[in-house]
């Protein structure tokens, strides 16, 4: 006996030339109206449980996948949040992303992840592409970007939260900590151990790296050692191999150096491995400090002194703040400073 139209086990004729199963196809298979399908799949309580079950069975049988773009056009709302980060190869940003997604997904939001590679033009292209999809919200890394990128964010009227720095000013939102204060604090720690010839070694040279350098300079100046500032800056991507090479360069060019503050743990870990290979005693000959307290830093030989940054909590708090903004709720603290911690280990 032939099955009826409402039998979800029988695929119905697809109405689009693309062959994609549509909401109308599900409605036909379930024997209900398209609006009932839409409400049932959104989980609205006004739909009777037996209709919800029938719609879900029809959708599963037909392999129906809701079209978020169509839904956004119909309702002027989207379930997508665009997240822009500089690199996916950096553990710091992977942890941030994980925390953001862990907070957003249970609330019904999906993330669009864009990687900018610290390139202004690339960030503009990613923003232009994502904003064309009318996301519900936007999370970006830092506050420093091109005028064109800022104009796109402002012109989109999409709620936006900035990560890893604490901004200022009305109408803006940020979650992070003071990179400059953190750079100052780790340099002060090295000064407190009796070091007087401290170098700051940095790679990649993104705005946050330069802010840490500003903190380093401020700490030396406050200690009356402004004439001993020694910054070794490389535009190369950060890596353990580069850290080892930069350690050798500093000790060759400035042999009086008794401490090195590396802008991140990748470089510092590489420096410790190079020191071990070369027979350079740490911290007796030179103290070494890093930044971010990445996995493995506490297992180095010797364990690495560094700055612990609350990146998972930054991601979680940024997602919570953005959800408040997307829901039109007030945000009590638009610029949330989560602080940092100097972790003192045997390398200093």
Protein backbone atom coordinates (compact mmCIF):
# COMPACT_ATOMS: atom_id res chain seq x y z
CA UNK A 1 0.00 0.00 0.00
CA UNK A 2 1.50 3.40 -0.95
CA UNK A 3 2.60 5.62 1.91
CA UNK A 4 0.85 8.90 2.50
CA UNK A 5 2.45 12.32 2.15
CA UNK A 6 2.79 12.53 5.91
CA UNK A 7 4.96 9.40 6.08
CA UNK A 8 8.43 10.77 7.00
CA UNK A 9 10.13 7.65 5.70
CA UNK A 10 9.37 8.64 2.09
CA UNK A 11 11.46 11.53 0.71
CA UNK A 12 9.29 14.03 -1.10
CA UNK A 13 10.07 16.01 -4.22
CA UNK A 14 12.63 18.72 -3.54
CA UNK A 15 11.44 22.10 -4.64
CA UNK A 16 14.80 23.76 -5.30
CA UNK A 17 16.92 23.32 -8.40
CA UNK A 18 19.88 22.70 -6.08
CA UNK A 19 18.23 19.55 -4.73
CA UNK A 20 18.54 20.79 -1.16
CA UNK A 21 15.83 19.62 1.24
CA UNK A 22 13.78 22.63 2.30
CA UNK A 23 11.59 23.48 5.23
CA UNK A 24 8.60 23.13 2.88
CA UNK A 25 9.68 19.55 2.11
CA UNK A 26 9.69 18.72 5.82
CA UNK A 27 6.28 20.35 6.24
CA UNK A 28 4.86 18.27 3.39
CA UNK A 29 6.32 15.03 4.78
CA UNK A 30 5.07 15.75 8.30
CA UNK A 31 1.63 16.94 7.13
CA UNK A 32 1.93 20.31 8.87
CA UNK A 33 2.49 23.91 7.84
CA UNK A 34 5.98 25.36 7.28
CA UNK A 35 5.51 27.72 10.23
CA UNK A 36 4.79 24.73 12.47
CA UNK A 37 8.00 23.08 11.28
CA UNK A 38 9.95 26.25 12.01
CA UNK A 39 8.48 26.60 15.50
CA UNK A 40 8.92 22.90 16.29
CA UNK A 41 12.57 22.87 15.29
CA UNK A 42 13.23 26.03 17.31
CA UNK A 43 11.78 24.29 20.37
CA UNK A 44 8.89 26.69 20.95
CA UNK A 45 6.56 25.45 23.67
CA UNK A 46 3.43 26.44 21.76
CA UNK A 47 3.81 23.40 19.46
CA UNK A 48 2.13 20.20 20.67
CA UNK A 49 4.59 17.42 21.64
CA UNK A 50 3.14 14.99 19.09
CA UNK A 51 3.67 17.54 16.29
CA UNK A 52 7.22 18.17 17.44
CA UNK A 53 7.89 14.44 17.32
CA UNK A 54 6.39 14.16 13.84
CA UNK A 55 8.39 17.13 12.52
CA UNK A 56 11.64 15.86 14.02
CA UNK A 57 11.06 12.42 12.49
CA UNK A 58 10.38 13.95 9.07
CA UNK A 59 13.45 16.19 9.30
CA UNK A 60 15.65 13.24 10.28
CA UNK A 61 14.28 11.03 7.49
CA UNK A 62 14.84 13.70 4.85
CA UNK A 63 18.24 14.77 6.18
CA UNK A 64 17.02 18.34 6.61
CA UNK A 65 19.58 20.89 7.82
CA UNK A 66 18.21 24.34 8.77
CA UNK A 67 19.54 27.24 6.74
CA UNK A 68 20.86 29.79 9.27
CA UNK A 69 21.27 32.46 6.59
CA UNK A 70 17.61 32.16 5.58
CA UNK A 71 16.56 32.23 9.21
CA UNK A 72 18.63 35.36 9.82
CA UNK A 73 17.07 37.09 6.81
CA UNK A 74 13.58 36.16 7.94
CA UNK A 75 14.02 37.22 11.54
CA UNK A 76 16.82 39.84 11.29
CA UNK A 77 18.63 37.63 13.81
CA UNK A 78 21.44 35.11 13.51
CA UNK A 79 22.72 32.30 15.69
CA UNK A 80 26.32 32.80 14.56
CA UNK A 81 29.10 34.59 16.40
CA UNK A 82 32.21 35.56 14.43
CA UNK A 83 35.49 35.08 16.31
CA UNK A 84 38.73 36.52 14.90
CA UNK A 85 42.09 35.32 16.24
CA UNK A 86 45.64 35.86 14.96
CA UNK A 87 46.77 32.20 14.81
CA UNK A 88 45.43 28.69 15.34
CA UNK A 89 48.91 27.28 15.94
CA UNK A 90 49.24 29.22 19.21
CA UNK A 91 48.06 27.31 22.29
CA UNK A 92 46.90 30.55 23.87
CA UNK A 93 44.32 31.21 21.15
CA UNK A 94 43.22 27.57 21.00
CA UNK A 95 42.39 27.75 24.72
CA UNK A 96 40.57 31.04 24.22
CA UNK A 97 38.49 29.56 21.41
CA UNK A 98 37.65 26.48 23.41
CA UNK A 99 36.39 28.59 26.31
CA UNK A 100 34.34 30.81 23.98
CA UNK A 101 32.71 27.85 22.25
CA UNK A 102 32.05 26.02 25.52
CA UNK A 103 30.05 29.05 26.65
CA UNK A 104 28.26 29.90 23.40
CA UNK A 105 27.19 26.50 22.04
CA UNK A 106 24.92 25.49 24.97
CA UNK A 107 23.19 28.87 24.57
CA UNK A 108 22.34 28.07 20.93
CA UNK A 109 25.13 30.00 19.20
CA UNK A 110 27.64 28.69 16.67
CA UNK A 111 31.04 30.20 15.96
CA UNK A 112 32.55 31.34 12.69
CA UNK A 113 36.32 31.26 13.21
CA UNK A 114 38.55 33.60 11.24
CA UNK A 115 42.36 33.61 11.36
CA UNK A 116 44.09 36.90 10.57
CA UNK A 117 47.79 35.91 10.82
CA UNK A 118 48.53 39.31 12.39
CA UNK A 119 47.89 40.89 8.98
CA UNK A 120 45.70 44.01 8.76
CA UNK A 121 44.59 43.38 5.18
CA UNK A 122 43.72 39.78 5.99
CA UNK A 123 41.71 40.89 9.01
CA UNK A 124 39.77 43.34 6.83
CA UNK A 125 38.97 40.58 4.33
CA UNK A 126 37.80 38.18 7.04
CA UNK A 127 35.66 40.87 8.66
CA UNK A 128 34.10 41.84 5.33
CA UNK A 129 33.22 38.21 4.61
CA UNK A 130 31.82 37.44 8.06
CA UNK A 131 29.84 40.66 8.47
CA UNK A 132 28.13 39.97 5.13
CA UNK A 133 26.51 36.98 6.87
CA UNK A 134 25.02 39.28 9.53
CA UNK A 135 26.37 37.51 12.63
CA UNK A 136 24.67 38.03 15.98
CA UNK A 137 27.93 39.05 17.60
CA UNK A 138 31.65 39.53 17.09
CA UNK A 139 34.73 38.72 19.18
CA UNK A 140 38.10 40.12 18.10
CA UNK A 141 41.61 39.98 19.55
CA UNK A 142 42.96 43.25 20.88
CA UNK A 143 42.01 46.85 20.19
CA UNK A 144 44.56 47.81 17.56
CA UNK A 145 43.37 47.42 13.96
CA UNK A 146 43.19 49.37 10.72
CA UNK A 147 40.77 52.29 10.31
CA UNK A 148 38.96 50.28 7.62
CA UNK A 149 38.44 47.34 9.99
CA UNK A 150 37.22 49.62 12.77
CA UNK A 151 34.82 51.32 10.37
CA UNK A 152 33.36 47.95 9.34
CA UNK A 153 32.81 46.94 12.96
CA UNK A 154 31.21 50.26 13.86
CA UNK A 155 29.11 50.39 10.70
CA UNK A 156 27.76 46.86 11.17
CA UNK A 157 26.16 47.69 14.54
CA UNK A 158 27.02 44.10 15.55
CA UNK A 159 27.80 43.76 19.29
CA UNK A 160 31.56 43.35 19.66
CA UNK A 161 33.85 42.29 22.53
CA UNK A 162 37.63 42.63 22.36
CA UNK A 163 39.92 40.05 23.98
CA UNK A 164 43.28 40.04 25.80
CA UNK A 165 43.44 43.77 26.48
CA UNK A 166 41.44 46.10 28.69
CA UNK A 167 40.16 48.99 26.60
CA UNK A 168 38.51 52.21 27.61
CA UNK A 169 35.80 54.51 26.42
CA UNK A 170 32.03 54.44 26.29
CA UNK A 171 30.35 52.11 23.82
CA UNK A 172 33.24 49.62 23.71
CA UNK A 173 33.61 46.30 25.51
CA UNK A 174 36.71 44.31 26.43
CA UNK A 175 37.91 41.44 28.61
CA UNK A 176 41.57 40.91 29.41
CA UNK A 177 44.36 42.44 31.45
CA UNK A 178 47.00 45.15 31.16
CA UNK A 179 49.82 43.81 29.00
CA UNK A 180 51.98 46.77 30.03
CA UNK A 181 51.44 46.14 33.75
CA UNK A 182 52.27 42.46 33.26
CA UNK A 183 55.52 43.34 31.47
CA UNK A 184 56.38 45.75 34.25
CA UNK A 185 55.65 43.14 36.95
CA UNK A 186 57.85 40.36 35.52
CA UNK A 187 60.70 42.85 34.98
CA UNK A 188 60.34 44.04 38.58
CA UNK A 189 60.63 40.42 39.71
CA UNK A 190 63.93 40.06 37.83
CA UNK A 191 65.14 43.32 39.40
CA UNK A 192 64.16 42.02 42.84
CA UNK A 193 66.43 39.00 42.32
CA UNK A 194 69.40 41.38 41.92
CA UNK A 195 69.59 41.46 38.12
CA UNK A 196 70.68 44.78 36.66
CA UNK A 197 71.36 44.04 32.99
CA UNK A 198 67.99 42.78 31.77
CA UNK A 199 67.15 42.36 28.08
CA UNK A 200 63.68 42.20 26.58
CA UNK A 201 63.52 39.77 23.65
CA UNK A 202 60.43 39.69 21.43
CA UNK A 203 59.20 38.21 18.15
CA UNK A 204 56.08 38.63 15.98
CA UNK A 205 55.78 42.20 17.33
CA UNK A 206 52.01 42.39 17.56
CA UNK A 207 50.57 45.25 19.68
CA UNK A 208 50.38 43.16 22.86
CA UNK A 209 54.03 42.15 22.55
CA UNK A 210 55.02 45.80 22.19
CA UNK A 211 52.91 46.73 25.23
CA UNK A 212 54.83 44.17 27.32
CA UNK A 213 57.99 45.87 26.12
CA UNK A 214 56.63 49.21 27.31
CA UNK A 215 56.16 47.70 30.75
CA UNK A 216 59.74 46.42 30.72
CA UNK A 217 61.07 49.88 29.89
CA UNK A 218 58.90 51.50 32.57
CA UNK A 219 60.21 49.10 35.24
CA UNK A 220 63.85 49.79 34.36
CA UNK A 221 63.26 53.53 34.33
CA UNK A 222 61.54 53.37 37.73
CA UNK A 223 64.61 51.52 39.06
CA UNK A 224 66.92 54.22 37.71
CA UNK A 225 68.23 51.89 34.99
CA UNK A 226 66.73 53.59 31.95
CA UNK A 227 70.17 53.76 30.35
CA UNK A 228 70.39 49.95 30.38
CA UNK A 229 67.32 49.25 28.26
CA UNK A 230 68.15 46.51 25.75
CA UNK A 231 65.30 45.41 23.50
CA UNK A 232 65.98 42.76 20.87
CA UNK A 233 63.01 42.75 18.51
CA UNK A 234 62.46 40.31 15.67
CA UNK A 235 59.57 40.44 13.20
CA UNK A 236 59.90 36.68 12.61
CA UNK A 237 57.11 34.35 13.82
CA UNK A 238 57.71 33.18 17.36
CA UNK A 239 59.15 29.66 17.80
CA UNK A 240 61.32 27.64 20.16
CA UNK A 241 64.08 27.55 17.54
CA UNK A 242 64.07 31.35 17.31
CA UNK A 243 64.20 31.59 21.10
CA UNK A 244 67.41 29.59 21.15
CA UNK A 245 68.94 31.69 18.40
CA UNK A 246 68.00 34.95 20.16
CA UNK A 247 69.50 33.76 23.45
CA UNK A 248 72.81 33.18 21.67
CA UNK A 249 72.56 36.57 19.97
CA UNK A 250 71.93 38.45 23.22
CA UNK A 251 74.82 36.78 25.07
CA UNK A 252 77.13 37.39 22.10
CA UNK A 253 76.20 41.05 21.55
CA UNK A 254 75.63 42.02 25.20
CA UNK A 255 77.68 39.60 27.35
CA UNK A 256 76.95 41.61 30.49
CA UNK A 257 73.29 40.54 30.28
CA UNK A 258 72.27 38.74 33.47
CA UNK A 259 68.55 38.25 32.76
CA UNK A 260 66.31 37.94 29.70
CA UNK A 261 62.56 38.55 29.64
CA UNK A 262 61.15 36.80 26.59
CA UNK A 263 57.81 38.07 25.26
CA UNK A 264 56.29 34.58 25.37
CA UNK A 265 56.97 31.07 26.61
CA UNK A 266 57.71 29.65 23.14
CA UNK A 267 60.84 31.77 22.91
CA UNK A 268 61.76 31.23 26.56
CA UNK A 269 61.41 27.45 26.32
CA UNK A 270 63.67 27.43 23.26
CA UNK A 271 66.17 29.60 25.12
CA UNK A 272 66.29 27.17 28.06
CA UNK A 273 66.90 24.23 25.72
CA UNK A 274 69.67 26.16 23.96
CA UNK A 275 71.25 27.12 27.29
CA UNK A 276 71.24 23.46 28.34
CA UNK A 277 72.87 22.46 25.04
CA UNK A 278 75.49 25.21 25.22
CA UNK A 279 76.33 24.78 28.89
CA UNK A 280 74.99 28.23 29.87
CA UNK A 281 73.96 28.02 33.54
CA UNK A 282 70.42 29.20 34.26
CA UNK A 283 69.89 31.18 36.43
CA UNK A 284 73.50 31.45 37.69
CA UNK A 285 74.82 32.96 34.43
CA UNK A 286 71.57 34.38 33.11
CA UNK A 287 68.00 34.32 34.44
CA UNK A 288 65.22 33.55 31.97
CA UNK A 289 61.56 34.56 32.14
CA UNK A 290 58.67 34.07 29.73
CA UNK A 291 55.05 35.07 29.34
CA UNK A 292 51.67 33.23 29.30
CA UNK A 293 52.63 30.10 31.30
CA UNK A 294 52.03 27.74 28.40
CA UNK A 295 51.88 23.94 28.85
CA UNK A 296 55.34 22.49 29.47
CA UNK A 297 56.83 25.61 31.04
CA UNK A 298 56.74 24.04 34.49
CA UNK A 299 58.54 20.96 33.11
CA UNK A 300 61.51 22.75 31.58
CA UNK A 301 65.04 22.41 32.98
CA UNK A 302 64.98 24.49 35.05
CA UNK A 303 61.22 25.20 35.34
CA UNK A 304 60.39 28.51 33.67
CA UNK A 305 59.50 31.69 35.52
CA UNK A 306 56.67 33.35 33.62
CA UNK A 307 53.43 35.35 33.73
CA UNK A 308 50.28 33.26 34.02
CA UNK A 309 47.43 34.76 32.00
CA UNK A 310 43.78 33.74 32.54
CA UNK A 311 42.98 33.03 28.88
CA UNK A 312 40.24 30.44 29.52
CA UNK A 313 38.49 32.78 31.91
CA UNK A 314 38.95 35.62 29.42
CA UNK A 315 37.21 33.51 26.76
CA UNK A 316 34.41 32.51 29.10
CA UNK A 317 33.78 36.04 30.38
CA UNK A 318 33.95 37.51 26.87
CA UNK A 319 31.31 35.03 25.66
CA UNK A 320 29.07 35.85 28.63
CA UNK A 321 29.48 39.59 28.03
CA UNK A 322 28.70 39.19 24.32
CA UNK A 323 25.55 37.15 25.07
CA UNK A 324 24.33 39.97 27.32
CA UNK A 325 24.91 42.45 24.52
CA UNK A 326 23.19 40.26 21.92
CA UNK A 327 20.18 39.93 24.22
CA UNK A 328 20.00 43.65 24.83
CA UNK A 329 20.94 43.29 28.49
CA UNK A 330 23.05 45.88 30.34
CA UNK A 331 26.73 45.08 31.00
CA UNK A 332 27.80 46.17 34.46
CA UNK A 333 31.56 46.25 33.72
CA UNK A 334 32.20 47.00 30.03
CA UNK A 335 35.99 46.75 30.46
CA UNK A 336 36.72 43.70 32.60
CA UNK A 337 40.27 43.35 33.94
CA UNK A 338 40.96 39.75 35.01
CA UNK A 339 44.57 40.41 36.00
CA UNK A 340 47.63 38.15 35.77
CA UNK A 341 50.10 36.37 38.06
CA UNK A 342 53.88 36.30 38.12
CA UNK A 343 54.82 32.62 38.56
CA UNK A 344 58.27 32.38 40.13
CA UNK A 345 60.18 29.21 39.25
CA UNK A 346 63.80 28.08 39.21
CA UNK A 347 64.85 29.86 35.97
CA UNK A 348 65.14 33.21 37.80
